[in-house]
């Protein structure tokens, strides 16, 4: 099993160019229209030259992200889990508040 570590969380409008192909690929798979305000987490998959893209507004819990990564034979590391969990919590708090 591979380990997924956080490369960064970006608004789509601030996304570094190197991640653009991964984001476009994931958006196509998800049939998603990208918005400049989308919050996107980029995970580095250890032992590979690839990245895993998470559109943070697509998840209600960290468990959904863990399942998606498990299906891709990856496990999120503890620090990344805490950071993304905090972003999910803040996103959902803002959505209801």
PDB file of N, CA and C in Angstrom:
ATOM      1  N   UNK A   1       0.846  -1.186   0.000  1.00  0.00           N
ATOM      2  CA  UNK A   1       0.000   0.000   0.000  1.00  0.00           C
ATOM      3  C   UNK A   1       0.887   1.243   0.000  1.00  0.00           C
ATOM      4  N   UNK A   2       0.498   2.220  -0.808  1.00  0.00           N
ATOM      5  CA  UNK A   2       1.235   3.473  -0.920  1.00  0.00           C
ATOM      6  C   UNK A   2       0.768   4.457   0.160  1.00  0.00           C
ATOM      7  N   UNK A   3       1.614   5.428   0.458  1.00  0.00           N
ATOM      8  CA  UNK A   3       1.269   6.449   1.442  1.00  0.00           C
ATOM      9  C   UNK A   3       1.038   7.767   0.709  1.00  0.00           C
ATOM     10  N   UNK A   4      -0.100   8.400   1.029  1.00  0.00           N
ATOM     11  CA  UNK A   4      -0.454   9.680   0.423  1.00  0.00           C
ATOM     12  C   UNK A   4      -0.132  10.804   1.402  1.00  0.00           C
ATOM     13  N   UNK A   5       0.683  11.748   0.957  1.00  0.00           N
ATOM     14  CA  UNK A   5       1.026  12.904   1.782  1.00  0.00           C
ATOM     15  C   UNK A   5       0.616  14.185   1.060  1.00  0.00           C
ATOM     16  N   UNK A   6       0.276  15.177   1.832  1.00  0.00           N
ATOM     17  CA  UNK A   6      -0.234  16.426   1.278  1.00  0.00           C
ATOM     18  C   UNK A   6       0.874  17.250   0.628  1.00  0.00           C
ATOM     19  N   UNK A   7       0.660  17.590  -0.646  1.00  0.00           N
ATOM     20  CA  UNK A   7       1.542  18.548  -1.312  1.00  0.00           C
ATOM     21  C   UNK A   7       1.031  19.968  -1.084  1.00  0.00           C
ATOM     22  N   UNK A   8      -0.289  20.109  -1.000  1.00  0.00           N
ATOM     23  CA  UNK A   8      -0.855  21.431  -0.748  1.00  0.00           C
ATOM     24  C   UNK A   8      -2.352  21.454  -0.956  1.00  0.00           C
ATOM     25  N   UNK A   9      -2.967  22.503  -0.419  1.00  0.00           N
ATOM     26  CA  UNK A   9      -4.379  22.772  -0.649  1.00  0.00           C
ATOM     27  C   UNK A   9      -4.441  24.141  -1.315  1.00  0.00           C
ATOM     28  N   UNK A  10      -5.101  24.184  -2.457  1.00  0.00           N
ATOM     29  CA  UNK A  10      -5.115  25.391  -3.279  1.00  0.00           C
ATOM     30  C   UNK A  10      -6.524  25.712  -3.737  1.00  0.00           C
ATOM     31  N   UNK A  11      -6.790  26.980  -3.950  1.00  0.00           N
ATOM     32  CA  UNK A  11      -7.952  27.365  -4.737  1.00  0.00           C
ATOM     33  C   UNK A  11      -7.557  27.094  -6.190  1.00  0.00           C
ATOM     34  N   UNK A  12      -8.528  26.717  -7.012  1.00  0.00           N
ATOM     35  CA  UNK A  12      -8.201  26.397  -8.396  1.00  0.00           C
ATOM     36  C   UNK A  12      -7.490  27.562  -9.080  1.00  0.00           C
ATOM     37  N   UNK A  13      -7.898  28.782  -8.765  1.00  0.00           N
ATOM     38  CA  UNK A  13      -7.282  29.959  -9.396  1.00  0.00           C
ATOM     39  C   UNK A  13      -5.808  30.119  -9.015  1.00  0.00           C
ATOM     40  N   UNK A  14      -5.378  29.494  -7.901  1.00  0.00           N
ATOM     41  CA  UNK A  14      -3.991  29.605  -7.431  1.00  0.00           C
ATOM     42  C   UNK A  14      -3.186  28.318  -7.633  1.00  0.00           C
ATOM     43  N   UNK A  15      -3.772  27.371  -8.332  1.00  0.00           N
ATOM     44  CA  UNK A  15      -3.143  26.060  -8.506  1.00  0.00           C
ATOM     45  C   UNK A  15      -1.831  26.171  -9.287  1.00  0.00           C
ATOM     46  N   UNK A  16      -0.738  25.619  -8.751  1.00  0.00           N
ATOM     47  CA  UNK A  16       0.511  25.606  -9.517  1.00  0.00           C
ATOM     48  C   UNK A  16       0.329  24.804 -10.819  1.00  0.00           C
ATOM     49  N   UNK A  17       0.939  25.296 -11.857  1.00  0.00           N
ATOM     50  CA  UNK A  17       0.791  24.726 -13.201  1.00  0.00           C
ATOM     51  C   UNK A  17       1.119  23.233 -13.256  1.00  0.00           C
ATOM     52  N   UNK A  18       2.061  22.789 -12.456  1.00  0.00           N
ATOM     53  CA  UNK A  18       2.486  21.388 -12.498  1.00  0.00           C
ATOM     54  C   UNK A  18       1.363  20.408 -12.130  1.00  0.00           C
ATOM     55  N   UNK A  19       0.349  20.888 -11.385  1.00  0.00           N
ATOM     56  CA  UNK A  19      -0.747  20.014 -10.961  1.00  0.00           C
ATOM     57  C   UNK A  19      -1.944  20.044 -11.916  1.00  0.00           C
ATOM     58  N   UNK A  20      -1.947  20.975 -12.839  1.00  0.00           N
ATOM     59  CA  UNK A  20      -3.088  21.170 -13.736  1.00  0.00           C
ATOM     60  C   UNK A  20      -3.520  19.889 -14.467  1.00  0.00           C
ATOM     61  N   UNK A  21      -2.598  19.102 -15.028  1.00  0.00           N
ATOM     62  CA  UNK A  21      -3.047  17.882 -15.726  1.00  0.00           C
ATOM     63  C   UNK A  21      -3.768  16.893 -14.804  1.00  0.00           C
ATOM     64  N   UNK A  22      -3.327  16.778 -13.565  1.00  0.00           N
ATOM     65  CA  UNK A  22      -3.965  15.872 -12.611  1.00  0.00           C
ATOM     66  C   UNK A  22      -5.372  16.358 -12.262  1.00  0.00           C
ATOM     67  N   UNK A  23      -5.507  17.668 -12.082  1.00  0.00           N
ATOM     68  CA  UNK A  23      -6.801  18.255 -11.733  1.00  0.00           C
ATOM     69  C   UNK A  23      -7.774  18.113 -12.911  1.00  0.00           C
ATOM     70  N   UNK A  24      -7.293  18.383 -14.112  1.00  0.00           N
ATOM     71  CA  UNK A  24      -8.152  18.239 -15.292  1.00  0.00           C
ATOM     72  C   UNK A  24      -8.611  16.794 -15.460  1.00  0.00           C
ATOM     73  N   UNK A  25      -7.706  15.855 -15.249  1.00  0.00           N
ATOM     74  CA  UNK A  25      -8.038  14.435 -15.364  1.00  0.00           C
ATOM     75  C   UNK A  25      -9.119  14.048 -14.359  1.00  0.00           C
ATOM     76  N   UNK A  26      -8.931  14.450 -13.098  1.00  0.00           N
ATOM     77  CA  UNK A  26      -9.902  14.125 -12.050  1.00  0.00           C
ATOM     78  C   UNK A  26     -11.253  14.798 -12.330  1.00  0.00           C
ATOM     79  N   UNK A  27     -11.229  16.044 -12.805  1.00  0.00           N
ATOM     80  CA  UNK A  27     -12.478  16.753 -13.130  1.00  0.00           C
ATOM     81  C   UNK A  27     -13.224  16.029 -14.245  1.00  0.00           C
ATOM     82  N   UNK A  28     -12.508  15.522 -15.216  1.00  0.00           N
ATOM     83  CA  UNK A  28     -13.132  14.776 -16.308  1.00  0.00           C
ATOM     84  C   UNK A  28     -13.775  13.498 -15.787  1.00  0.00           C
ATOM     85  N   UNK A  29     -13.063  12.767 -14.948  1.00  0.00           N
ATOM     86  CA  UNK A  29     -13.599  11.527 -14.373  1.00  0.00           C
ATOM     87  C   UNK A  29     -14.854  11.818 -13.547  1.00  0.00           C
ATOM     88  N   UNK A  30     -14.804  12.896 -12.762  1.00  0.00           N
ATOM     89  CA  UNK A  30     -15.922  13.260 -11.887  1.00  0.00           C
ATOM     90  C   UNK A  30     -17.034  14.013 -12.624  1.00  0.00           C
ATOM     91  N   UNK A  31     -16.812  14.271 -13.926  1.00  0.00           N
ATOM     92  CA  UNK A  31     -17.764  15.081 -14.713  1.00  0.00           C
ATOM     93  C   UNK A  31     -18.049  16.401 -13.996  1.00  0.00           C
ATOM     94  N   UNK A  32     -16.977  17.067 -13.646  1.00  0.00           N
ATOM     95  CA  UNK A  32     -17.053  18.282 -12.846  1.00  0.00           C
ATOM     96  C   UNK A  32     -16.596  19.482 -13.654  1.00  0.00           C
ATOM     97  N   UNK A  33     -17.348  20.552 -13.551  1.00  0.00           N
ATOM     98  CA  UNK A  33     -16.958  21.826 -14.136  1.00  0.00           C
ATOM     99  C   UNK A  33     -16.160  22.582 -13.078  1.00  0.00           C
ATOM    100  N   UNK A  34     -14.957  22.978 -13.408  1.00  0.00           N
ATOM    101  CA  UNK A  34     -14.093  23.640 -12.432  1.00  0.00           C
ATOM    102  C   UNK A  34     -14.465  25.107 -12.255  1.00  0.00           C
ATOM    103  N   UNK A  35     -14.358  25.565 -11.007  1.00  0.00           N
ATOM    104  CA  UNK A  35     -14.601  26.956 -10.665  1.00  0.00           C
ATOM    105  C   UNK A  35     -13.325  27.515 -10.033  1.00  0.00           C
ATOM    106  N   UNK A  36     -13.075  28.793 -10.254  1.00  0.00           N
ATOM    107  CA  UNK A  36     -11.842  29.389  -9.712  1.00  0.00           C
ATOM    108  C   UNK A  36     -11.784  29.313  -8.185  1.00  0.00           C
ATOM    109  N   UNK A  37     -12.928  29.168  -7.516  1.00  0.00           N
ATOM    110  CA  UNK A  37     -12.970  29.113  -6.058  1.00  0.00           C
ATOM    111  C   UNK A  37     -12.919  27.696  -5.485  1.00  0.00           C
ATOM    112  N   UNK A  38     -12.884  26.674  -6.338  1.00  0.00           N
ATOM    113  CA  UNK A  38     -12.795  25.290  -5.853  1.00  0.00           C
ATOM    114  C   UNK A  38     -11.557  25.115  -4.986  1.00  0.00           C
ATOM    115  N   UNK A  39     -11.730  24.476  -3.819  1.00  0.00           N
ATOM    116  CA  UNK A  39     -10.588  24.122  -2.971  1.00  0.00           C
ATOM    117  C   UNK A  39     -10.164  22.712  -3.322  1.00  0.00           C
ATOM    118  N   UNK A  40      -8.898  22.567  -3.647  1.00  0.00           N
ATOM    119  CA  UNK A  40      -8.364  21.307  -4.147  1.00  0.00           C
ATOM    120  C   UNK A  40      -7.166  20.898  -3.310  1.00  0.00           C
ATOM    121  N   UNK A  41      -7.206  19.661  -2.809  1.00  0.00           N
ATOM    122  CA  UNK A  41      -6.045  19.099  -2.108  1.00  0.00           C
ATOM    123  C   UNK A  41      -5.287  18.221  -3.101  1.00  0.00           C
ATOM    124  N   UNK A  42      -3.987  18.382  -3.122  1.00  0.00           N
ATOM    125  CA  UNK A  42      -3.116  17.569  -3.973  1.00  0.00           C
ATOM    126  C   UNK A  42      -2.294  16.670  -3.063  1.00  0.00           C
ATOM    127  N   UNK A  43      -2.442  15.372  -3.267  1.00  0.00           N
ATOM    128  CA  UNK A  43      -1.697  14.392  -2.484  1.00  0.00           C
ATOM    129  C   UNK A  43      -0.615  13.754  -3.335  1.00  0.00           C
ATOM    130  N   UNK A  44       0.560  13.632  -2.781  1.00  0.00           N
ATOM    131  CA  UNK A  44       1.666  12.930  -3.428  1.00  0.00           C
ATOM    132  C   UNK A  44       1.575  11.463  -3.022  1.00  0.00           C
ATOM    133  N   UNK A  45       1.617  10.576  -3.984  1.00  0.00           N
ATOM    134  CA  UNK A  45       1.541   9.143  -3.704  1.00  0.00           C
ATOM    135  C   UNK A  45       2.966   8.588  -3.700  1.00  0.00           C
ATOM    136  N   UNK A  46       3.444   8.203  -2.508  1.00  0.00           N
ATOM    137  CA  UNK A  46       4.832   7.754  -2.357  1.00  0.00           C
ATOM    138  C   UNK A  46       5.125   6.549  -3.246  1.00  0.00           C
ATOM    139  N   UNK A  47       6.339   6.519  -3.750  1.00  0.00           N
ATOM    140  CA  UNK A  47       6.761   5.394  -4.578  1.00  0.00           C
ATOM    141  C   UNK A  47       6.256   5.467  -6.006  1.00  0.00           C
ATOM    142  N   UNK A  48       5.572   6.573  -6.348  1.00  0.00           N
ATOM    143  CA  UNK A  48       5.071   6.755  -7.710  1.00  0.00           C
ATOM    144  C   UNK A  48       5.430   8.168  -8.160  1.00  0.00           C
ATOM    145  N   UNK A  49       5.131   8.455  -9.396  1.00  0.00           N
ATOM    146  CA  UNK A  49       5.342   9.821  -9.891  1.00  0.00           C
ATOM    147  C   UNK A  49       3.998  10.509 -10.108  1.00  0.00           C
ATOM    148  N   UNK A  50       2.995  10.071  -9.381  1.00  0.00           N
ATOM    149  CA  UNK A  50       1.657  10.602  -9.587  1.00  0.00           C
ATOM    150  C   UNK A  50       1.124  11.310  -8.347  1.00  0.00           C
ATOM    151  N   UNK A  51       0.003  11.978  -8.546  1.00  0.00           N
ATOM    152  CA  UNK A  51      -0.672  12.705  -7.485  1.00  0.00           C
ATOM    153  C   UNK A  51      -2.140  12.314  -7.481  1.00  0.00           C
ATOM    154  N   UNK A  52      -2.752  12.432  -6.315  1.00  0.00           N
ATOM    155  CA  UNK A  52      -4.186  12.177  -6.184  1.00  0.00           C
ATOM    156  C   UNK A  52      -4.855  13.507  -5.877  1.00  0.00           C
ATOM    157  N   UNK A  53      -5.922  13.808  -6.592  1.00  0.00           N
ATOM    158  CA  UNK A  53      -6.616  15.087  -6.465  1.00  0.00           C
ATOM    159  C   UNK A  53      -7.906  14.896  -5.681  1.00  0.00           C
ATOM    160  N   UNK A  54      -8.142  15.801  -4.726  1.00  0.00           N
ATOM    161  CA  UNK A  54      -9.380  15.800  -3.952  1.00  0.00           C
ATOM    162  C   UNK A  54     -10.051  17.159  -4.093  1.00  0.00           C
ATOM    163  N   UNK A  55     -11.269  17.170  -4.631  1.00  0.00           N
ATOM    164  CA  UNK A  55     -12.079  18.381  -4.622  1.00  0.00           C
ATOM    165  C   UNK A  55     -12.788  18.386  -3.272  1.00  0.00           C
ATOM    166  N   UNK A  56     -12.356  19.229  -2.368  1.00  0.00           N
ATOM    167  CA  UNK A  56     -12.768  19.130  -0.973  1.00  0.00           C
ATOM    168  C   UNK A  56     -14.271  19.290  -0.749  1.00  0.00           C
ATOM    169  N   UNK A  57     -14.952  20.017  -1.635  1.00  0.00           N
ATOM    170  CA  UNK A  57     -16.398  20.164  -1.453  1.00  0.00           C
ATOM    171  C   UNK A  57     -17.182  18.912  -1.847  1.00  0.00           C
ATOM    172  N   UNK A  58     -16.472  17.889  -2.325  1.00  0.00           N
ATOM    173  CA  UNK A  58     -17.115  16.634  -2.729  1.00  0.00           C
ATOM    174  C   UNK A  58     -17.236  15.632  -1.583  1.00  0.00           C
ATOM    175  N   UNK A  59     -16.692  15.967  -0.429  1.00  0.00           N
ATOM    176  CA  UNK A  59     -16.628  15.004   0.677  1.00  0.00           C
ATOM    177  C   UNK A  59     -17.335  15.559   1.914  1.00  0.00           C
ATOM    178  N   UNK A  60     -18.065  14.678   2.581  1.00  0.00           N
ATOM    179  CA  UNK A  60     -18.718  15.039   3.838  1.00  0.00           C
ATOM    180  C   UNK A  60     -17.893  14.636   5.049  1.00  0.00           C
ATOM    181  N   UNK A  61     -16.944  13.714   4.850  1.00  0.00           N
ATOM    182  CA  UNK A  61     -16.140  13.251   5.980  1.00  0.00           C
ATOM    183  C   UNK A  61     -14.781  12.765   5.492  1.00  0.00           C
ATOM    184  N   UNK A  62     -13.863  12.702   6.420  1.00  0.00           N
ATOM    185  CA  UNK A  62     -12.532  12.181   6.121  1.00  0.00           C
ATOM    186  C   UNK A  62     -12.603  10.693   5.774  1.00  0.00           C
ATOM    187  N   UNK A  63     -13.607  10.001   6.304  1.00  0.00           N
ATOM    188  CA  UNK A  63     -13.776   8.571   6.015  1.00  0.00           C
ATOM    189  C   UNK A  63     -14.007   8.336   4.530  1.00  0.00           C
ATOM    190  N   UNK A  64     -14.716   9.242   3.866  1.00  0.00           N
ATOM    191  CA  UNK A  64     -14.938   9.117   2.420  1.00  0.00           C
ATOM    192  C   UNK A  64     -13.618   9.230   1.656  1.00  0.00           C
ATOM    193  N   UNK A  65     -12.763  10.115   2.112  1.00  0.00           N
ATOM    194  CA  UNK A  65     -11.446  10.285   1.477  1.00  0.00           C
ATOM    195  C   UNK A  65     -10.590   9.046   1.720  1.00  0.00           C
ATOM    196  N   UNK A  66     -10.609   8.546   2.948  1.00  0.00           N
ATOM    197  CA  UNK A  66      -9.830   7.341   3.266  1.00  0.00           C
ATOM    198  C   UNK A  66     -10.280   6.162   2.405  1.00  0.00           C
ATOM    199  N   UNK A  67     -11.590   6.026   2.185  1.00  0.00           N
ATOM    200  CA  UNK A  67     -12.095   4.933   1.357  1.00  0.00           C
ATOM    201  C   UNK A  67     -11.636   5.085  -0.088  1.00  0.00           C
ATOM    202  N   UNK A  68     -11.718   6.310  -0.621  1.00  0.00           N
ATOM    203  CA  UNK A  68     -11.280   6.564  -1.992  1.00  0.00           C
ATOM    204  C   UNK A  68      -9.807   6.200  -2.163  1.00  0.00           C
ATOM    205  N   UNK A  69      -8.998   6.584  -1.191  1.00  0.00           N
ATOM    206  CA  UNK A  69      -7.569   6.273  -1.263  1.00  0.00           C
ATOM    207  C   UNK A  69      -7.321   4.782  -1.103  1.00  0.00           C
ATOM    208  N   UNK A  70      -8.070   4.139  -0.228  1.00  0.00           N
ATOM    209  CA  UNK A  70      -7.915   2.690  -0.050  1.00  0.00           C
ATOM    210  C   UNK A  70      -8.222   1.962  -1.359  1.00  0.00           C
ATOM    211  N   UNK A  71      -9.258   2.422  -2.060  1.00  0.00           N
ATOM    212  CA  UNK A  71      -9.600   1.837  -3.360  1.00  0.00           C
ATOM    213  C   UNK A  71      -8.471   2.026  -4.374  1.00  0.00           C
ATOM    214  N   UNK A  72      -7.648   3.049  -4.163  1.00  0.00           N
ATOM    215  CA  UNK A  72      -6.489   3.312  -5.032  1.00  0.00           C
ATOM    216  C   UNK A  72      -5.212   2.718  -4.453  1.00  0.00           C
ATOM    217  N   UNK A  73      -5.357   1.841  -3.443  1.00  0.00           N
ATOM    218  CA  UNK A  73      -4.232   1.175  -2.787  1.00  0.00           C
ATOM    219  C   UNK A  73      -3.285   2.172  -2.107  1.00  0.00           C
ATOM    220  N   UNK A  74      -3.880   3.187  -1.492  1.00  0.00           N
ATOM    221  CA  UNK A  74      -3.082   4.182  -0.775  1.00  0.00           C
ATOM    222  C   UNK A  74      -3.714   4.456   0.584  1.00  0.00           C
ATOM    223  N   UNK A  75      -2.874   4.944   1.490  1.00  0.00           N
ATOM    224  CA  UNK A  75      -3.311   5.301   2.834  1.00  0.00           C
ATOM    225  C   UNK A  75      -2.804   6.707   3.120  1.00  0.00           C
ATOM    226  N   UNK A  76      -3.673   7.527   3.690  1.00  0.00           N
ATOM    227  CA  UNK A  76      -3.307   8.907   3.990  1.00  0.00           C
ATOM    228  C   UNK A  76      -2.481   8.948   5.285  1.00  0.00           C
ATOM    229  N   UNK A  77      -1.406   9.734   5.288  1.00  0.00           N
ATOM    230  CA  UNK A  77      -0.609   9.796   6.511  1.00  0.00           C
ATOM    231  C   UNK A  77      -1.290  10.656   7.563  1.00  0.00           C
ATOM    232  N   UNK A  78      -0.879  10.526   8.805  1.00  0.00           N
ATOM    233  CA  UNK A  78      -1.565  11.141   9.944  1.00  0.00           C
ATOM    234  C   UNK A  78      -1.614  12.663   9.852  1.00  0.00           C
ATOM    235  N   UNK A  79      -0.514  13.299   9.527  1.00  0.00           N
ATOM    236  CA  UNK A  79      -0.470  14.754   9.449  1.00  0.00           C
ATOM    237  C   UNK A  79      -1.409  15.270   8.361  1.00  0.00           C
ATOM    238  N   UNK A  80      -1.373  14.620   7.204  1.00  0.00           N
ATOM    239  CA  UNK A  80      -2.251  14.994   6.101  1.00  0.00           C
ATOM    240  C   UNK A  80      -3.710  14.818   6.498  1.00  0.00           C
ATOM    241  N   UNK A  81      -3.997  13.744   7.194  1.00  0.00           N
ATOM    242  CA  UNK A  81      -5.353  13.465   7.667  1.00  0.00           C
ATOM    243  C   UNK A  81      -5.866  14.614   8.535  1.00  0.00           C
ATOM    244  N   UNK A  82      -5.046  15.080   9.455  1.00  0.00           N
ATOM    245  CA  UNK A  82      -5.440  16.163  10.358  1.00  0.00           C
ATOM    246  C   UNK A  82      -5.657  17.476   9.600  1.00  0.00           C
ATOM    247  N   UNK A  83      -4.784  17.784   8.675  1.00  0.00           N
ATOM    248  CA  UNK A  83      -4.894  19.039   7.915  1.00  0.00           C
ATOM    249  C   UNK A  83      -6.157  19.034   7.054  1.00  0.00           C
ATOM    250  N   UNK A  84      -6.356  17.964   6.308  1.00  0.00           N
ATOM    251  CA  UNK A  84      -7.538  17.892   5.439  1.00  0.00           C
ATOM    252  C   UNK A  84      -8.810  17.838   6.284  1.00  0.00           C
ATOM    253  N   UNK A  85      -8.769  17.120   7.391  1.00  0.00           N
ATOM    254  CA  UNK A  85      -9.918  17.075   8.290  1.00  0.00           C
ATOM    255  C   UNK A  85     -10.303  18.461   8.769  1.00  0.00           C
ATOM    256  N   UNK A  86      -9.321  19.280   9.095  1.00  0.00           N
ATOM    257  CA  UNK A  86      -9.579  20.659   9.514  1.00  0.00           C
ATOM    258  C   UNK A  86     -10.207  21.488   8.408  1.00  0.00           C
ATOM    259  N   UNK A  87      -9.752  21.296   7.193  1.00  0.00           N
ATOM    260  CA  UNK A  87     -10.321  22.025   6.053  1.00  0.00           C
ATOM    261  C   UNK A  87     -11.758  21.586   5.785  1.00  0.00           C
ATOM    262  N   UNK A  88     -12.022  20.289   5.884  1.00  0.00           N
ATOM    263  CA  UNK A  88     -13.398  19.800   5.695  1.00  0.00           C
ATOM    264  C   UNK A  88     -14.324  20.377   6.761  1.00  0.00           C
ATOM    265  N   UNK A  89     -13.862  20.364   8.002  1.00  0.00           N
ATOM    266  CA  UNK A  89     -14.657  20.896   9.093  1.00  0.00           C
ATOM    267  C   UNK A  89     -14.978  22.375   8.862  1.00  0.00           C
ATOM    268  N   UNK A  90     -13.975  23.154   8.487  1.00  0.00           N
ATOM    269  CA  UNK A  90     -14.176  24.583   8.239  1.00  0.00           C
ATOM    270  C   UNK A  90     -15.107  24.811   7.054  1.00  0.00           C
ATOM    271  N   UNK A  91     -14.959  24.020   6.004  1.00  0.00           N
ATOM    272  CA  UNK A  91     -15.818  24.156   4.832  1.00  0.00           C
ATOM    273  C   UNK A  91     -17.275  23.923   5.208  1.00  0.00           C
ATOM    274  N   UNK A  92     -17.548  22.848   5.930  1.00  0.00           N
ATOM    275  CA  UNK A  92     -18.928  22.520   6.294  1.00  0.00           C
ATOM    276  C   UNK A  92     -19.475  23.512   7.325  1.00  0.00           C
ATOM    277  N   UNK A  93     -18.632  24.033   8.182  1.00  0.00           N
ATOM    278  CA  UNK A  93     -19.051  25.041   9.138  1.00  0.00           C
ATOM    279  C   UNK A  93     -19.476  26.314   8.407  1.00  0.00           C
ATOM    280  N   UNK A  94     -18.697  26.725   7.419  1.00  0.00           N
ATOM    281  CA  UNK A  94     -19.034  27.917   6.621  1.00  0.00           C
ATOM    282  C   UNK A  94     -20.296  27.704   5.807  1.00  0.00           C
ATOM    283  N   UNK A  95     -20.512  26.482   5.356  1.00  0.00           N
ATOM    284  CA  UNK A  95     -21.674  26.167   4.538  1.00  0.00           C
ATOM    285  C   UNK A  95     -22.977  26.299   5.328  1.00  0.00           C
ATOM    286  N   UNK A  96     -22.941  25.929   6.613  1.00  0.00           N
ATOM    287  CA  UNK A  96     -24.156  26.007   7.426  1.00  0.00           C
ATOM    288  C   UNK A  96     -24.272  27.337   8.157  1.00  0.00           C
ATOM    289  N   UNK A  97     -23.176  28.058   8.251  1.00  0.00           N
ATOM    290  CA  UNK A  97     -23.180  29.312   9.019  1.00  0.00           C
ATOM    291  C   UNK A  97     -23.350  30.454   8.157  1.00  0.00           C
TER     292      UNK A  97
END
